[in-house]
Protein backbone atom coordinates (compact mmCIF):
# COMPACT_ATOMS: atom_id res chain seq x y z
CA MET A 1 22.35 18.07 197.79
CA VAL A 2 20.39 15.11 197.04
CA ALA A 3 17.78 13.16 199.53
CA VAL A 4 16.83 9.59 199.50
CA LEU A 5 13.64 9.06 201.31
CA THR A 6 12.25 5.53 202.75
CA CYS A 7 8.49 5.16 204.13
CA SER A 8 7.24 2.35 205.90
CA THR A 9 4.76 0.96 208.94
CA LEU A 10 6.80 -1.98 210.10
CA ALA A 11 10.31 -2.92 208.93
CA PHE A 12 11.13 -6.83 209.25
CA ALA A 13 14.42 -7.48 210.61
CA GLN A 14 16.06 -8.92 207.15
CA GLU A 15 19.51 -10.69 206.65
CA THR A 16 21.64 -7.13 204.90
CA PRO A 17 24.39 -8.48 202.49
CA ASN A 18 26.57 -6.16 204.58
CA PRO A 19 26.54 -7.16 208.20
CA HIS A 20 29.83 -4.83 209.25
CA LYS A 21 28.54 -1.34 208.47
CA ILE A 22 28.12 0.37 211.12
CA TYR A 23 25.63 2.72 210.12
CA HIS A 24 22.19 1.54 209.76
CA GLU A 25 18.25 2.90 210.55
CA GLY A 26 18.14 0.13 213.47
CA LEU A 27 20.27 2.39 215.65
CA PRO A 28 18.72 5.07 217.22
CA PRO A 29 18.47 9.02 216.83
CA GLY A 30 21.46 10.88 217.82
CA ALA A 31 23.54 6.90 217.22
CA ILE A 32 24.89 8.04 214.06
CA GLY A 33 25.54 11.99 214.84
CA GLN A 34 28.30 10.78 218.17
CA LEU A 35 29.60 8.23 216.69
CA GLN A 36 30.91 10.97 214.26
CA LEU A 37 32.18 12.96 216.93
CA LEU A 38 34.60 10.13 217.91
CA GLN A 39 36.42 10.99 214.49
CA LYS A 40 38.35 13.37 215.45
CA ARG A 41 37.35 16.19 212.85
CA PRO A 42 35.95 19.97 213.24
CA VAL A 43 32.63 19.01 213.67
CA ALA A 44 32.19 19.21 217.56
CA GLY A 45 30.71 22.28 219.19
CA TRP A 46 29.84 23.22 215.76
CA PHE A 47 26.90 25.44 215.28
CA GLN A 48 26.22 24.16 211.84
CA PRO A 49 23.22 26.05 209.72
CA VAL A 50 19.64 23.75 208.81
CA GLU A 51 17.23 25.09 206.65
CA ILE A 52 13.41 23.24 207.38
CA VAL A 53 11.69 24.13 203.72
CA PRO A 54 8.45 22.40 204.63
CA PRO A 55 5.01 23.44 202.74
CA ALA A 56 4.40 27.64 201.65
CA GLY A 57 2.35 28.45 204.56
CA THR A 58 3.75 26.27 207.11
CA LYS A 59 5.10 27.20 210.78
CA VAL A 60 8.68 26.21 212.11
CA SER A 61 9.03 25.88 215.93
CA PHE A 62 11.91 24.65 217.33
CA THR A 63 12.81 23.51 221.19
CA ASN A 64 14.53 26.05 223.23
CA ASN A 65 15.64 24.98 227.36
CA GLY A 66 13.01 22.39 226.92
CA GLN A 67 10.04 24.14 225.20
CA PHE A 68 8.92 25.31 221.75
CA GLY A 69 9.85 28.53 221.08
CA PRO A 70 7.73 31.15 219.24
CA ASP A 71 5.93 29.91 215.38
CA LEU A 72 8.45 30.98 212.10
CA PRO A 73 7.34 31.15 208.79
CA ALA A 74 9.14 29.18 206.46
CA PRO A 75 11.73 28.53 205.50
CA ALA A 76 12.76 28.28 209.13
CA ILE A 77 17.19 28.39 209.77
CA ALA A 78 18.74 27.36 212.93
CA GLY A 79 22.01 26.21 213.83
CA CYS A 80 22.44 22.96 215.02
CA LEU A 81 25.18 21.21 217.18
CA ILE A 82 26.37 18.09 215.22
CA GLY A 83 25.72 14.82 216.81
CA GLN A 84 22.36 16.26 219.01
CA VAL A 85 18.72 15.38 218.15
CA TYR A 86 16.16 18.79 217.74
CA ARG A 87 12.64 18.09 217.73
CA MET A 88 10.40 20.41 215.77
CA ARG A 89 6.95 21.23 215.36
CA LEU A 90 5.24 22.23 212.13
CA SER A 91 1.64 23.97 212.64
CA GLU A 92 -0.95 25.83 210.64
CA ILE A 93 0.24 23.13 207.43
CA PRO A 94 -1.95 23.73 204.57
CA LEU A 95 -4.27 21.21 203.67
CA ASN A 96 -4.72 19.99 207.01
CA PRO A 97 -6.21 22.60 209.59
CA GLY A 98 -5.50 21.98 212.88
CA ALA A 99 -3.22 19.52 212.24
CA GLU A 100 0.87 19.37 214.14
CA LEU A 101 3.57 17.22 213.41
CA TYR A 102 6.65 16.77 215.40
CA PRO A 103 9.33 15.81 213.13
CA THR A 104 13.59 15.04 214.18
CA VAL A 105 16.45 16.46 212.57
CA GLU A 106 19.71 14.95 213.30
CA VAL A 107 22.50 16.81 212.09
CA ILE A 108 25.61 13.97 211.34
CA ASP A 109 28.07 15.45 209.65
CA ARG A 110 28.52 19.43 208.74
CA LEU A 111 29.47 22.23 205.89
CA TYR A 112 32.24 23.77 204.84
CA PRO A 113 31.85 26.46 202.63
CA PRO A 114 34.28 29.66 202.19
CA PRO A 115 34.35 31.77 205.26
CA GLY A 116 31.73 34.07 206.33
CA LEU A 117 28.74 32.86 204.13
CA GLU A 118 27.11 29.87 206.06
CA LEU A 119 24.35 30.95 206.75
CA LYS A 120 23.93 31.20 202.60
CA TYR A 121 25.00 27.73 202.52
CA PRO A 122 22.99 25.37 204.88
CA ILE A 123 21.78 22.46 204.55
CA PRO A 124 18.49 22.05 203.05
CA VAL A 125 16.02 19.84 204.46
CA HIS A 126 12.40 19.53 202.72
CA ILE A 127 9.46 18.29 203.31
CA THR A 128 6.78 17.46 200.99
CA GLN A 129 2.98 17.07 201.33
CA GLU A 130 3.68 13.80 200.45
CA GLU A 131 5.43 12.71 203.11
CA ILE A 132 3.28 15.52 205.60
CA ARG A 133 0.31 13.29 204.00
CA TYR A 134 2.63 9.50 205.25
CA ALA A 135 2.67 11.00 208.67
CA MET A 136 -0.59 12.01 209.18
CA GLU A 137 -1.35 7.74 208.41
CA GLY A 138 0.15 6.89 210.67
CA LYS A 139 3.61 6.11 208.73
CA PHE A 140 7.31 6.91 209.35
CA VAL A 141 9.07 8.87 207.14
CA THR A 142 12.72 9.12 207.19
CA ARG A 143 14.67 10.93 204.77
CA ILE A 144 19.06 11.05 204.18
CA ILE A 145 19.49 14.42 203.03
CA TYR A 146 23.73 14.05 201.40
CA LEU A 147 26.09 15.46 199.66
CA GLU A 148 26.64 14.26 195.82
CA PRO A 149 31.01 13.19 195.22
CA PRO A 150 32.15 16.31 193.44
CA ILE A 151 33.22 14.54 190.56
CA ASP A 152 30.03 12.73 190.21
CA ALA A 153 27.63 15.53 190.89
CA VAL A 154 25.03 15.79 187.92
CA PRO A 155 26.69 19.33 185.71
CA ALA A 156 22.49 20.86 186.49
CA ARG A 157 20.95 24.01 187.95
CA GLN A 158 19.27 22.48 190.65
CA GLU A 159 15.55 24.17 191.23
CA LYS A 160 16.14 26.82 194.31
CA ASP A 161 12.92 25.25 195.69
CA PHE A 162 13.42 21.54 195.18
CA GLN A 163 14.77 18.82 196.79
CA PRO A 164 15.86 16.16 194.06
CA PHE A 165 15.00 12.80 196.14
CA PHE A 166 14.58 9.21 195.25
CA GLU A 167 12.63 6.26 197.59
CA VAL A 168 14.73 3.90 198.68
CA PRO A 169 13.04 0.43 197.61
CA PRO A 170 11.97 -2.09 199.64
CA GLY A 171 14.00 -3.71 201.74
CA GLY A 172 16.84 -1.08 201.26
CA ASP A 173 18.97 0.79 203.92
CA PRO A 174 18.19 4.57 203.43
CA ILE A 175 21.48 5.52 205.14
CA GLN A 176 23.06 2.91 203.53
CA ILE A 177 22.44 3.86 200.63
CA ALA A 178 23.51 7.51 201.22
CA ASP A 179 26.67 6.67 202.42
CA GLU A 180 27.27 4.83 199.57
CA LEU A 181 26.06 7.71 196.90
CA GLY A 182 27.66 10.21 198.71
CA ARG A 183 28.32 11.83 202.33
CA PRO A 184 25.05 12.16 204.99
CA VAL A 185 24.89 15.36 206.46
CA ALA A 186 21.58 15.53 207.85
CA ILE A 187 18.40 12.94 208.84
CA LEU A 188 15.37 13.54 209.35
CA ARG A 189 12.57 11.16 210.92
CA MET A 190 8.45 12.05 211.18
CA GLY A 191 5.87 10.38 212.13
CA SER A 192 2.40 10.37 214.25
CA ARG A 193 4.46 11.11 217.09
CA GLN A 194 2.74 13.77 219.70
CA PRO A 195 4.12 15.32 222.96
CA SER A 196 2.38 13.10 226.21
CA GLN A 197 2.60 14.64 230.16
CA GLU A 198 2.74 11.34 230.65
CA GLU A 199 6.58 11.09 229.38
CA PRO A 200 10.15 11.25 231.01
CA GLN A 201 11.18 14.97 230.82
CA GLY A 202 13.80 15.30 228.26
CA GLU A 203 12.36 12.45 226.46
CA PHE A 204 10.18 13.70 223.59
CA ASP A 205 12.48 16.65 223.27
CA TYR A 206 15.82 14.79 223.78
CA ARG A 207 16.79 17.11 226.62
CA SER A 208 16.26 20.17 224.44
CA PRO A 209 20.09 20.54 223.04
CA PRO A 210 21.59 24.15 222.57
CA ILE A 211 20.05 25.76 219.14
CA MET A 212 20.68 29.19 217.38
CA VAL A 213 17.68 30.39 215.38
CA PHE A 214 18.13 32.77 212.97
CA ASP A 215 16.03 35.44 211.88
CA THR A 216 16.03 34.08 208.49
CA THR A 217 14.16 37.51 206.84
CA ALA A 218 16.27 40.10 208.38
CA ILE A 219 19.24 37.73 207.08
CA GLN A 220 17.38 38.80 202.97
CA GLN A 221 17.88 42.12 203.87
CA MET A 222 21.30 42.72 204.99
CA PRO A 223 23.61 43.50 202.40
CA PRO A 224 26.43 40.86 201.82
CA GLN A 225 28.65 41.82 203.28
CA ARG A 226 26.53 42.58 206.48
CA VAL A 227 25.56 39.01 206.21
CA GLU A 228 29.09 38.03 205.78
CA GLN A 229 30.19 39.70 209.02
CA GLU A 230 26.85 38.32 211.02
CA ALA A 231 27.84 34.39 210.08
CA ILE A 232 32.06 34.78 210.83
CA ARG A 233 30.37 35.66 214.85
CA GLN A 234 28.72 31.81 214.67
CA PRO A 235 31.52 29.84 215.62
CA ALA A 236 32.56 31.71 218.38
CA TYR A 237 29.31 30.71 220.47
CA PRO A 238 31.20 27.94 223.49
CA ARG A 239 31.60 24.56 222.04
CA VAL A 240 29.62 21.49 223.50
CA PRO A 241 32.00 18.80 224.45
CA PRO A 242 31.23 15.77 222.51
CA THR A 243 30.37 13.71 226.15
CA ALA A 244 27.40 16.98 227.30
CA TYR A 245 24.77 15.24 225.49
CA LEU A 246 23.53 11.57 225.31
CA PRO A 247 20.23 11.53 224.03
CA PRO A 248 17.77 9.20 226.23
CA ASN A 249 17.22 6.55 224.02
CA VAL A 250 20.90 5.73 223.12
CA ALA A 251 21.48 5.71 227.29
CA GLU A 252 18.41 3.16 228.30
CA ARG A 253 19.36 0.95 224.98
CA PRO A 254 23.62 0.23 225.07
CA GLN A 255 22.95 -2.57 222.84
CA TYR A 256 22.25 -1.10 219.62
CA ALA A 257 19.13 -2.73 217.34
CA PRO A 258 20.52 -4.77 214.44
CA PRO A 259 19.14 -3.33 211.30
CA GLY A 260 15.35 -3.20 210.70
CA ASN A 261 13.80 -4.19 213.90
CA VAL A 262 10.60 -2.49 214.78
CA GLN A 263 11.31 1.61 215.16
CA THR A 264 9.22 3.38 218.08
CA ARG A 265 10.19 6.65 217.62
């Protein structure tokens, strides 16, 4: 898996060479995933395992039932529904004592590993120290994780703890570039925004969609056969209809913003 990265303070409206494209960075969080659910593919209600990999020593907490759960050692794995936006909390960040960040992950597509190996092959979402520094400085970071086409993939083993990435040039749209290079599966968005009591309920955590948080320590200690049996049971959880959840900012903005508009979330 590869990621494309963009970091910006302000984005100004520009004329795009491909105005017919449906997916672009101007869409609010949750819009792309919801559009994916309309394609009648086996993604609705699927809990796709996602692995959050921040710098070593960082603690990760996922929102569940409207509040943050326990702080988990990184890397942390959670099952996320396609088309939903999940808020996380990063704490105990190395070189940043006392600081906390609250990135979001939007899962827009699923993987198709062999049956029973879902937990062994999650979507890896890496967060680097440089990206954390950008967010601390008030910049907005967008990381698109995509799958390389099998026919064009580099025939070389990747490092286990490193996710290859490249930065989008100024004026480029990371979502469109990732779509041209492969199949985007997840979007990480991270800035300096902090929770506030003045916000309407459900605004900050995107109404806390259903999530499955896995014990990574237990998974690593399980024998291969046990891991397979444990993973097979996960898709049996109740499936959520595609229309059961709509991100608050999507409902408030039925007309999606054109590419390049300033994003406030």
